[in-house]
Amino acid sequence: MKIILVLFIQILIFSQNSQAIHDSLFINSGEISYQTLGLNPFPALAFNKTSTFNKSNDFLEYKNKETFNLTIVNKDSIVHTVHIGDGIFSTGPIFPDSSSTITIVFNLNGIYKISDSTVEGQILGLNSFIKIWEQTNNKFIWNLNEIESNLNRKLRQGISFNPDSFNPDYFTINGNTHPEISLDSTAKIRGHVGDSIFIFVINSGIMYHSIHFHGYHVKIIASNSNVLDAGREKDSIPIRPGAYQVYLLIPNQSGEYPVHDHNLIATTGGGNYPNGMMVMINILP
């Protein structure tokens, strides 16, 4: 009887573990070069789902109250500590070629940051997020950020960051600038008149941005930027650093229209216009 009972418990434990959700993110180092601008490469970091560097941070999606195990693997040459949900969860120090696994569950819908514990790590690009939301069709993701290419070079040399001298020259959505963004299927909005289109936006940078829609108004259905935002219908929406918002777009007309940052410096790249935070909406009848 004891042997049978122990075997039953082992099978039960194995069954529960086999159903657990497991995901990994790698802290990768690499170089960024925006070919359309002829820029010399500069160093950067990113969270990717594989050990291959990609300047577009990968993000994760789960359901409300869903428990998952997240492993962070440090492929960089220095120690990193990762904070999730503004420090609700933390990995503790992760040494090079080491990893840390934490069990996570969120009880509220929202967008929860995944970031390095240091401003320097965030400036270098370690900014992703976990989206906790019910399953939706026609969903698009905008992860906003800005880069000072020379500062990235200095930070990798160990020079400390002075926020008073921050002077970004590149502005990105999902790690891309215009017109490269048009190739990003998670960013460029496509749909039909009357569709319910959800846009999930997080400001991973340290600047304020203001998202301006041409052709349409959107309804703000969630925001941690301003409690008064929810329910408003607008075509220009400010979003503070570290904040997220969720928009509902129901197109009333067909056509192709731009969306861009109303902070117009963010529509440039390396001093060139148009560039930066600009993405298109393509709506069919």
C-alpha atoms as a PDB file:
ATOM      1  CA  MET A   1       0.000   0.000   0.000  1.00  0.00           C
ATOM      2  CA  LYS A   2       2.834   2.441   0.865  1.00  0.00           C
ATOM      3  CA  ILE A   3       4.554   1.735  -2.434  1.00  0.00           C
ATOM      4  CA  ILE A   4       1.325   2.373  -4.358  1.00  0.00           C
ATOM      5  CA  LEU A   5       0.664   5.616  -2.396  1.00  0.00           C
ATOM      6  CA  VAL A   6       4.183   6.955  -3.028  1.00  0.00           C
ATOM      7  CA  LEU A   7       3.890   6.112  -6.712  1.00  0.00           C
ATOM      8  CA  PHE A   8       0.530   7.923  -6.893  1.00  0.00           C
ATOM      9  CA  ILE A   9       2.012  11.041  -5.267  1.00  0.00           C
ATOM     10  CA  GLN A  10       4.982  11.003  -7.671  1.00  0.00           C
ATOM     11  CA  ILE A  11       2.655  10.719 -10.658  1.00  0.00           C
ATOM     12  CA  LEU A  12       0.503  13.562  -9.326  1.00  0.00           C
ATOM     13  CA  ILE A  13       3.511  15.832  -8.828  1.00  0.00           C
ATOM     14  CA  PHE A  14       4.844  15.014 -12.306  1.00  0.00           C
ATOM     15  CA  SER A  15       1.421  15.759 -13.820  1.00  0.00           C
ATOM     16  CA  GLN A  16       1.215  19.143 -12.079  1.00  0.00           C
ATOM     17  CA  ASN A  17       4.754  20.116 -13.108  1.00  0.00           C
ATOM     18  CA  SER A  18       4.189  19.042 -16.705  1.00  0.00           C
ATOM     19  CA  GLN A  19       1.324  21.561 -16.894  1.00  0.00           C
ATOM     20  CA  ALA A  20       3.350  24.425 -15.451  1.00  0.00           C
ATOM     21  CA  ILE A  21       4.189  27.345 -17.726  1.00  0.00           C
ATOM     22  CA  HIS A  22       7.917  27.861 -18.254  1.00  0.00           C
ATOM     23  CA  ASP A  23       9.496  30.737 -20.187  1.00  0.00           C
ATOM     24  CA  SER A  24      12.999  32.099 -20.566  1.00  0.00           C
ATOM     25  CA  LEU A  25      14.476  35.474 -21.415  1.00  0.00           C
ATOM     26  CA  PHE A  26      18.149  35.992 -22.246  1.00  0.00           C
ATOM     27  CA  ILE A  27      20.066  39.151 -21.429  1.00  0.00           C
ATOM     28  CA  ASN A  28      21.999  39.584 -24.677  1.00  0.00           C
ATOM     29  CA  SER A  29      24.601  42.133 -25.699  1.00  0.00           C
ATOM     30  CA  GLY A  30      25.119  43.268 -29.268  1.00  0.00           C
ATOM     31  CA  GLU A  31      25.257  46.263 -31.571  1.00  0.00           C
ATOM     32  CA  ILE A  32      22.578  48.383 -33.220  1.00  0.00           C
ATOM     33  CA  SER A  33      22.895  50.013 -36.623  1.00  0.00           C
ATOM     34  CA  TYR A  34      20.036  51.784 -38.385  1.00  0.00           C
ATOM     35  CA  GLN A  35      20.937  51.144 -42.009  1.00  0.00           C
ATOM     36  CA  THR A  36      18.617  53.815 -43.415  1.00  0.00           C
ATOM     37  CA  LEU A  37      20.664  56.434 -41.567  1.00  0.00           C
ATOM     38  CA  GLY A  38      24.165  55.132 -42.241  1.00  0.00           C
ATOM     39  CA  LEU A  39      24.921  55.189 -38.509  1.00  0.00           C
ATOM     40  CA  ASN A  40      28.028  53.549 -37.123  1.00  0.00           C
ATOM     41  CA  PRO A  41      27.030  50.627 -34.849  1.00  0.00           C
ATOM     42  CA  PHE A  42      26.716  51.266 -31.131  1.00  0.00           C
ATOM     43  CA  PRO A  43      26.461  48.782 -28.230  1.00  0.00           C
ATOM     44  CA  ALA A  44      23.158  47.778 -26.670  1.00  0.00           C
ATOM     45  CA  LEU A  45      21.456  45.166 -24.493  1.00  0.00           C
ATOM     46  CA  ALA A  46      18.131  43.400 -24.947  1.00  0.00           C
ATOM     47  CA  PHE A  47      15.833  40.753 -23.476  1.00  0.00           C
ATOM     48  CA  ASN A  48      15.399  38.028 -26.107  1.00  0.00           C
ATOM     49  CA  LYS A  49      13.749  34.612 -26.087  1.00  0.00           C
ATOM     50  CA  THR A  50      16.918  33.032 -27.477  1.00  0.00           C
ATOM     51  CA  SER A  51      20.628  33.640 -26.909  1.00  0.00           C
ATOM     52  CA  THR A  52      20.852  35.560 -30.213  1.00  0.00           C
ATOM     53  CA  PHE A  53      20.850  39.361 -29.839  1.00  0.00           C
ATOM     54  CA  ASN A  54      17.906  41.232 -31.362  1.00  0.00           C
ATOM     55  CA  LYS A  55      17.462  44.941 -30.676  1.00  0.00           C
ATOM     56  CA  SER A  56      13.686  44.442 -30.344  1.00  0.00           C
ATOM     57  CA  ASN A  57      13.059  43.227 -26.785  1.00  0.00           C
ATOM     58  CA  ASP A  58      10.809  40.176 -26.699  1.00  0.00           C
ATOM     59  CA  PHE A  59       7.755  40.398 -24.456  1.00  0.00           C
ATOM     60  CA  LEU A  60       5.623  37.794 -22.684  1.00  0.00           C
ATOM     61  CA  GLU A  61       1.861  37.261 -22.527  1.00  0.00           C
ATOM     62  CA  TYR A  62      -0.185  35.451 -19.872  1.00  0.00           C
ATOM     63  CA  LYS A  63      -3.711  35.365 -18.539  1.00  0.00           C
ATOM     64  CA  ASN A  64      -4.868  36.989 -15.316  1.00  0.00           C
ATOM     65  CA  LYS A  65      -3.985  34.853 -12.225  1.00  0.00           C
ATOM     66  CA  GLU A  66      -1.966  32.432 -14.364  1.00  0.00           C
ATOM     67  CA  THR A  67       1.153  31.157 -12.577  1.00  0.00           C
ATOM     68  CA  PHE A  68       4.352  30.831 -14.577  1.00  0.00           C
ATOM     69  CA  ASN A  69       8.049  30.211 -14.010  1.00  0.00           C
ATOM     70  CA  LEU A  70      10.375  32.710 -15.679  1.00  0.00           C
ATOM     71  CA  THR A  71      14.088  32.008 -16.102  1.00  0.00           C
ATOM     72  CA  ILE A  72      16.402  34.954 -16.815  1.00  0.00           C
ATOM     73  CA  VAL A  73      19.723  33.902 -18.375  1.00  0.00           C
ATOM     74  CA  ASN A  74      22.559  36.417 -18.267  1.00  0.00           C
ATOM     75  CA  LYS A  75      24.676  36.219 -21.446  1.00  0.00           C
ATOM     76  CA  ASP A  76      26.237  39.633 -20.791  1.00  0.00           C
ATOM     77  CA  SER A  77      29.712  40.130 -19.304  1.00  0.00           C
ATOM     78  CA  ILE A  78      28.561  41.889 -16.109  1.00  0.00           C
ATOM     79  CA  VAL A  79      26.170  41.128 -13.236  1.00  0.00           C
ATOM     80  CA  HIS A  80      22.516  42.091 -13.700  1.00  0.00           C
ATOM     81  CA  THR A  81      19.502  42.167 -11.388  1.00  0.00           C
ATOM     82  CA  VAL A  82      16.104  42.128 -13.092  1.00  0.00           C
ATOM     83  CA  HIS A  83      12.980  43.764 -11.663  1.00  0.00           C
ATOM     84  CA  ILE A  84       9.492  42.764 -12.811  1.00  0.00           C
ATOM     85  CA  GLY A  85       6.385  44.856 -12.223  1.00  0.00           C
ATOM     86  CA  ASP A  86       8.321  47.823 -10.792  1.00  0.00           C
ATOM     87  CA  GLY A  87      10.031  45.589  -8.254  1.00  0.00           C
ATOM     88  CA  ILE A  88       7.098  43.364  -7.269  1.00  0.00           C
ATOM     89  CA  PHE A  89       9.346  40.486  -8.311  1.00  0.00           C
ATOM     90  CA  SER A  90      13.140  40.486  -8.466  1.00  0.00           C
ATOM     91  CA  THR A  91      15.728  37.938  -9.561  1.00  0.00           C
ATOM     92  CA  GLY A  92      18.549  39.044  -7.300  1.00  0.00           C
ATOM     93  CA  PRO A  93      22.046  39.330  -8.816  1.00  0.00           C
ATOM     94  CA  ILE A  94      22.603  37.139 -11.899  1.00  0.00           C
ATOM     95  CA  PHE A  95      26.262  36.602 -12.747  1.00  0.00           C
ATOM     96  CA  PRO A  96      27.515  36.175 -16.327  1.00  0.00           C
ATOM     97  CA  ASP A  97      26.566  32.804 -17.841  1.00  0.00           C
ATOM     98  CA  SER A  98      24.253  32.161 -14.872  1.00  0.00           C
ATOM     99  CA  SER A  99      20.480  32.229 -14.533  1.00  0.00           C
ATOM    100  CA  SER A 100      17.708  32.865 -12.039  1.00  0.00           C
ATOM    101  CA  THR A 101      14.206  31.382 -12.054  1.00  0.00           C
ATOM    102  CA  ILE A 102      11.277  33.035 -10.290  1.00  0.00           C
ATOM    103  CA  THR A 103       7.623  32.046  -9.975  1.00  0.00           C
ATOM    104  CA  ILE A 104       5.246  34.850 -10.932  1.00  0.00           C
ATOM    105  CA  VAL A 105       1.496  35.458 -10.811  1.00  0.00           C
ATOM    106  CA  PHE A 106      -0.372  38.720 -11.377  1.00  0.00           C
ATOM    107  CA  ASN A 107      -3.914  39.190 -10.099  1.00  0.00           C
ATOM    108  CA  LEU A 108      -4.821  42.231 -12.207  1.00  0.00           C
ATOM    109  CA  ASN A 109      -4.849  42.900 -15.942  1.00  0.00           C
ATOM    110  CA  GLY A 110      -2.132  45.276 -17.024  1.00  0.00           C
ATOM    111  CA  ILE A 111       1.307  45.682 -18.552  1.00  0.00           C
ATOM    112  CA  TYR A 112       4.156  44.928 -16.150  1.00  0.00           C
ATOM    113  CA  LYS A 113       7.698  46.129 -16.850  1.00  0.00           C
ATOM    114  CA  ILE A 114      10.675  43.826 -17.084  1.00  0.00           C
ATOM    115  CA  SER A 115      13.777  45.956 -16.636  1.00  0.00           C
ATOM    116  CA  ASP A 116      17.300  46.086 -15.327  1.00  0.00           C
ATOM    117  CA  SER A 117      17.545  47.333 -11.752  1.00  0.00           C
ATOM    118  CA  THR A 118      19.896  50.138 -12.843  1.00  0.00           C
ATOM    119  CA  VAL A 119      19.127  53.169 -14.992  1.00  0.00           C
ATOM    120  CA  GLU A 120      22.291  52.391 -16.957  1.00  0.00           C
ATOM    121  CA  GLY A 121      20.975  48.929 -17.859  1.00  0.00           C
ATOM    122  CA  GLN A 122      17.651  50.407 -18.919  1.00  0.00           C
ATOM    123  CA  ILE A 123      19.337  53.085 -21.023  1.00  0.00           C
ATOM    124  CA  LEU A 124      21.320  50.353 -22.772  1.00  0.00           C
ATOM    125  CA  GLY A 125      18.047  48.676 -23.736  1.00  0.00           C
ATOM    126  CA  LEU A 126      16.948  46.205 -21.045  1.00  0.00           C
ATOM    127  CA  ASN A 127      13.262  47.144 -21.196  1.00  0.00           C
ATOM    128  CA  SER A 128      10.541  44.597 -21.864  1.00  0.00           C
ATOM    129  CA  PHE A 129       7.177  43.739 -20.332  1.00  0.00           C
ATOM    130  CA  ILE A 130       4.639  41.087 -19.445  1.00  0.00           C
ATOM    131  CA  LYS A 131       1.135  41.619 -20.826  1.00  0.00           C
ATOM    132  CA  ILE A 132      -1.599  40.256 -18.546  1.00  0.00           C
ATOM    133  CA  TRP A 133      -4.833  40.479 -20.479  1.00  0.00           C
ATOM    134  CA  GLU A 134      -7.667  38.384 -21.839  1.00  0.00           C
ATOM    135  CA  GLN A 135      -7.057  36.970 -25.309  1.00  0.00           C
ATOM    136  CA  THR A 136      -7.853  39.514 -28.016  1.00  0.00           C
ATOM    137  CA  ASN A 137      -7.705  39.478 -31.792  1.00  0.00           C
ATOM    138  CA  ASN A 138      -6.373  42.464 -33.731  1.00  0.00           C
ATOM    139  CA  LYS A 139      -3.833  43.420 -31.064  1.00  0.00           C
ATOM    140  CA  PHE A 140      -0.737  45.537 -31.592  1.00  0.00           C
ATOM    141  CA  ILE A 141       2.193  46.372 -29.324  1.00  0.00           C
ATOM    142  CA  TRP A 142       4.138  49.652 -29.039  1.00  0.00           C
ATOM    143  CA  ASN A 143       7.145  49.623 -26.714  1.00  0.00           C
ATOM    144  CA  LEU A 144       8.438  53.219 -26.718  1.00  0.00           C
ATOM    145  CA  ASN A 145      12.051  54.102 -26.007  1.00  0.00           C
ATOM    146  CA  GLU A 146      14.791  56.578 -26.821  1.00  0.00           C
ATOM    147  CA  ILE A 147      18.529  56.141 -27.336  1.00  0.00           C
ATOM    148  CA  GLU A 148      21.580  58.362 -27.076  1.00  0.00           C
ATOM    149  CA  SER A 149      24.043  56.408 -29.189  1.00  0.00           C
ATOM    150  CA  ASN A 150      27.204  58.036 -27.783  1.00  0.00           C
ATOM    151  CA  LEU A 151      25.950  57.486 -24.234  1.00  0.00           C
ATOM    152  CA  ASN A 152      25.552  53.768 -24.952  1.00  0.00           C
ATOM    153  CA  ARG A 153      29.206  53.670 -25.946  1.00  0.00           C
ATOM    154  CA  LYS A 154      30.235  55.485 -22.753  1.00  0.00           C
ATOM    155  CA  LEU A 155      28.137  53.252 -20.494  1.00  0.00           C
ATOM    156  CA  ARG A 156      29.774  50.135 -21.904  1.00  0.00           C
ATOM    157  CA  GLN A 157      33.108  51.725 -21.035  1.00  0.00           C
ATOM    158  CA  GLY A 158      32.000  52.139 -17.416  1.00  0.00           C
ATOM    159  CA  ILE A 159      31.294  55.883 -17.513  1.00  0.00           C
ATOM    160  CA  SER A 160      28.407  56.798 -15.177  1.00  0.00           C
ATOM    161  CA  PHE A 161      25.082  58.186 -16.407  1.00  0.00           C
ATOM    162  CA  ASN A 162      24.222  61.854 -15.830  1.00  0.00           C
ATOM    163  CA  PRO A 163      20.467  62.355 -16.402  1.00  0.00           C
ATOM    164  CA  ASP A 164      20.918  66.126 -16.732  1.00  0.00           C
ATOM    165  CA  SER A 165      22.978  65.628 -19.891  1.00  0.00           C
ATOM    166  CA  PHE A 166      20.760  62.994 -21.545  1.00  0.00           C
ATOM    167  CA  ASN A 167      20.368  63.967 -25.199  1.00  0.00           C
ATOM    168  CA  PRO A 168      18.814  61.119 -27.220  1.00  0.00           C
ATOM    169  CA  ASP A 169      19.277  61.022 -30.975  1.00  0.00           C
ATOM    170  CA  TYR A 170      17.125  57.978 -31.799  1.00  0.00           C
ATOM    171  CA  PHE A 171      13.510  57.264 -30.858  1.00  0.00           C
ATOM    172  CA  THR A 172      12.059  53.785 -31.258  1.00  0.00           C
ATOM    173  CA  ILE A 173       8.917  51.690 -31.241  1.00  0.00           C
ATOM    174  CA  ASN A 174       9.722  48.027 -30.530  1.00  0.00           C
ATOM    175  CA  GLY A 175      13.384  48.853 -31.099  1.00  0.00           C
ATOM    176  CA  ASN A 176      12.718  50.150 -34.625  1.00  0.00           C
ATOM    177  CA  THR A 177      12.606  53.588 -36.234  1.00  0.00           C
ATOM    178  CA  HIS A 178      10.573  54.829 -39.194  1.00  0.00           C
ATOM    179  CA  PRO A 179      10.461  53.528 -41.917  1.00  0.00           C
ATOM    180  CA  GLU A 180      11.767  50.218 -40.503  1.00  0.00           C
ATOM    181  CA  ILE A 181       8.723  50.057 -38.208  1.00  0.00           C
ATOM    182  CA  SER A 182       6.524  49.355 -41.243  1.00  0.00           C
ATOM    183  CA  LEU A 183       8.108  45.882 -41.409  1.00  0.00           C
ATOM    184  CA  ASP A 184       7.093  45.084 -37.811  1.00  0.00           C
ATOM    185  CA  SER A 185       3.803  43.156 -37.913  1.00  0.00           C
ATOM    186  CA  THR A 186       3.286  43.699 -34.173  1.00  0.00           C
ATOM    187  CA  ALA A 187       3.434  47.506 -34.592  1.00  0.00           C
ATOM    188  CA  LYS A 188       1.955  48.462 -37.969  1.00  0.00           C
ATOM    189  CA  ILE A 189      -1.824  48.469 -37.563  1.00  0.00           C
ATOM    190  CA  ARG A 190      -3.912  46.641 -40.135  1.00  0.00           C
ATOM    191  CA  GLY A 191      -7.640  46.022 -40.092  1.00  0.00           C
ATOM    192  CA  HIS A 192     -11.042  46.807 -41.546  1.00  0.00           C
ATOM    193  CA  VAL A 193     -13.702  49.423 -40.924  1.00  0.00           C
ATOM    194  CA  GLY A 194     -15.664  48.443 -37.821  1.00  0.00           C
ATOM    195  CA  ASP A 195     -12.984  46.150 -36.369  1.00  0.00           C
ATOM    196  CA  SER A 196     -12.157  46.320 -32.651  1.00  0.00           C
ATOM    197  CA  ILE A 197      -8.410  46.936 -32.620  1.00  0.00           C
ATOM    198  CA  PHE A 198      -6.468  46.881 -29.331  1.00  0.00           C
ATOM    199  CA  ILE A 199      -3.182  48.773 -28.988  1.00  0.00           C
ATOM    200  CA  PHE A 200      -0.972  48.073 -25.954  1.00  0.00           C
ATOM    201  CA  VAL A 201       1.509  50.880 -25.264  1.00  0.00           C
ATOM    202  CA  ILE A 202       4.297  51.070 -22.684  1.00  0.00           C
ATOM    203  CA  ASN A 203       6.762  53.925 -22.282  1.00  0.00           C
ATOM    204  CA  SER A 204      10.031  52.180 -21.419  1.00  0.00           C
ATOM    205  CA  GLY A 205      12.107  55.338 -21.751  1.00  0.00           C
ATOM    206  CA  ILE A 206      12.796  58.268 -19.438  1.00  0.00           C
ATOM    207  CA  MET A 207      11.108  60.936 -21.594  1.00  0.00           C
ATOM    208  CA  TYR A 208       7.460  61.931 -21.802  1.00  0.00           C
ATOM    209  CA  HIS A 209       5.798  61.109 -25.108  1.00  0.00           C
ATOM    210  CA  SER A 210       2.466  62.038 -26.674  1.00  0.00           C
ATOM    211  CA  ILE A 211       0.881  59.636 -29.142  1.00  0.00           C
ATOM    212  CA  HIS A 212      -0.990  61.468 -31.915  1.00  0.00           C
ATOM    213  CA  PHE A 213      -3.391  59.663 -34.272  1.00  0.00           C
ATOM    214  CA  HIS A 214      -4.297  60.963 -37.728  1.00  0.00           C
ATOM    215  CA  GLY A 215      -7.657  59.937 -39.146  1.00  0.00           C
ATOM    216  CA  TYR A 216      -9.095  58.430 -35.960  1.00  0.00           C
ATOM    217  CA  HIS A 217      -9.802  58.859 -32.288  1.00  0.00           C
ATOM    218  CA  VAL A 218      -9.111  55.998 -29.893  1.00  0.00           C
ATOM    219  CA  LYS A 219     -10.699  55.145 -26.558  1.00  0.00           C
ATOM    220  CA  ILE A 220      -8.378  54.684 -23.577  1.00  0.00           C
ATOM    221  CA  ILE A 221      -9.587  51.526 -21.841  1.00  0.00           C
ATOM    222  CA  ALA A 222      -6.736  51.145 -19.345  1.00  0.00           C
ATOM    223  CA  SER A 223      -3.988  53.404 -18.006  1.00  0.00           C
ATOM    224  CA  ASN A 224      -1.660  53.680 -15.048  1.00  0.00           C
ATOM    225  CA  SER A 225      -0.449  57.047 -16.314  1.00  0.00           C
ATOM    226  CA  ASN A 226      -3.479  59.031 -15.148  1.00  0.00           C
ATOM    227  CA  VAL A 227      -6.532  57.599 -13.374  1.00  0.00           C
ATOM    228  CA  LEU A 228      -8.715  60.063 -15.299  1.00  0.00           C
ATOM    229  CA  ASP A 229      -7.572  58.698 -18.671  1.00  0.00           C
ATOM    230  CA  ALA A 230      -9.788  55.597 -18.741  1.00  0.00           C
ATOM    231  CA  GLY A 231     -12.898  56.118 -20.870  1.00  0.00           C
ATOM    232  CA  ARG A 232     -11.626  59.167 -22.727  1.00  0.00           C
ATOM    233  CA  GLU A 233     -11.679  59.276 -26.533  1.00  0.00           C
ATOM    234  CA  LYS A 234      -8.795  61.287 -27.949  1.00  0.00           C
ATOM    235  CA  ASP A 235      -6.416  61.640 -30.872  1.00  0.00           C
ATOM    236  CA  SER A 236      -3.463  62.885 -28.775  1.00  0.00           C
ATOM    237  CA  ILE A 237      -2.531  61.006 -25.614  1.00  0.00           C
ATOM    238  CA  PRO A 238       0.403  61.865 -23.314  1.00  0.00           C
ATOM    239  CA  ILE A 239       2.170  58.994 -21.575  1.00  0.00           C
ATOM    240  CA  ARG A 240       4.732  59.440 -18.822  1.00  0.00           C
ATOM    241  CA  PRO A 241       7.935  57.411 -18.402  1.00  0.00           C
ATOM    242  CA  GLY A 242       7.310  53.911 -17.063  1.00  0.00           C
ATOM    243  CA  ALA A 243       3.572  54.072 -17.718  1.00  0.00           C
ATOM    244  CA  TYR A 244       1.322  51.908 -19.874  1.00  0.00           C
ATOM    245  CA  GLN A 245      -1.963  52.494 -21.683  1.00  0.00           C
ATOM    246  CA  VAL A 246      -4.376  50.341 -23.684  1.00  0.00           C
ATOM    247  CA  TYR A 247      -6.325  51.876 -26.580  1.00  0.00           C
ATOM    248  CA  LEU A 248      -9.388  50.625 -28.431  1.00  0.00           C
ATOM    249  CA  LEU A 249      -9.578  51.740 -32.055  1.00  0.00           C
ATOM    250  CA  ILE A 250     -12.784  51.101 -34.014  1.00  0.00           C
ATOM    251  CA  PRO A 251     -12.096  52.581 -37.470  1.00  0.00           C
ATOM    252  CA  ASN A 252     -14.960  54.520 -39.046  1.00  0.00           C
ATOM    253  CA  GLN A 253     -13.273  55.001 -42.437  1.00  0.00           C
ATOM    254  CA  SER A 254     -10.804  53.240 -44.676  1.00  0.00           C
ATOM    255  CA  GLY A 255      -7.419  54.649 -45.611  1.00  0.00           C
ATOM    256  CA  GLU A 256      -3.800  54.853 -44.522  1.00  0.00           C
ATOM    257  CA  TYR A 257      -2.885  57.307 -41.789  1.00  0.00           C
ATOM    258  CA  PRO A 258       0.196  57.998 -39.674  1.00  0.00           C
ATOM    259  CA  VAL A 259       0.553  57.839 -35.905  1.00  0.00           C
ATOM    260  CA  HIS A 260       3.492  59.746 -34.445  1.00  0.00           C
ATOM    261  CA  ASP A 261       4.838  61.341 -31.298  1.00  0.00           C
ATOM    262  CA  HIS A 262       3.614  64.911 -30.864  1.00  0.00           C
ATOM    263  CA  ASN A 263       6.944  65.619 -29.185  1.00  0.00           C
ATOM    264  CA  LEU A 264       8.319  66.244 -32.661  1.00  0.00           C
ATOM    265  CA  ILE A 265      11.975  65.665 -31.805  1.00  0.00           C
ATOM    266  CA  ALA A 266      10.929  62.024 -31.427  1.00  0.00           C
ATOM    267  CA  THR A 267       9.991  61.878 -35.140  1.00  0.00           C
ATOM    268  CA  THR A 268      13.650  62.366 -36.067  1.00  0.00           C
ATOM    269  CA  GLY A 269      16.632  60.015 -36.083  1.00  0.00           C
ATOM    270  CA  GLY A 270      20.204  61.226 -36.085  1.00  0.00           C
ATOM    271  CA  GLY A 271      18.833  64.642 -37.035  1.00  0.00           C
ATOM    272  CA  ASN A 272      16.921  63.256 -40.032  1.00  0.00           C
ATOM    273  CA  TYR A 273      13.163  63.672 -40.603  1.00  0.00           C
ATOM    274  CA  PRO A 274      10.881  61.746 -40.935  1.00  0.00           C
ATOM    275  CA  ASN A 275      12.198  59.035 -38.671  1.00  0.00           C
ATOM    276  CA  GLY A 276      11.785  57.886 -35.083  1.00  0.00           C
ATOM    277  CA  MET A 277       8.386  57.216 -33.511  1.00  0.00           C
ATOM    278  CA  MET A 278       6.134  57.058 -36.561  1.00  0.00           C
ATOM    279  CA  VAL A 279       3.955  54.111 -37.574  1.00  0.00           C
ATOM    280  CA  MET A 280       1.157  53.681 -40.098  1.00  0.00           C
ATOM    281  CA  ILE A 281      -2.475  52.580 -39.781  1.00  0.00           C
ATOM    282  CA  ASN A 282      -3.783  50.721 -42.827  1.00  0.00           C
ATOM    283  CA  ILE A 283      -7.565  50.204 -42.765  1.00  0.00           C
ATOM    284  CA  LEU A 284      -9.475  48.454 -45.541  1.00  0.00           C
ATOM    285  CA  PRO A 285     -13.242  48.764 -46.191  1.00  0.00           C
END
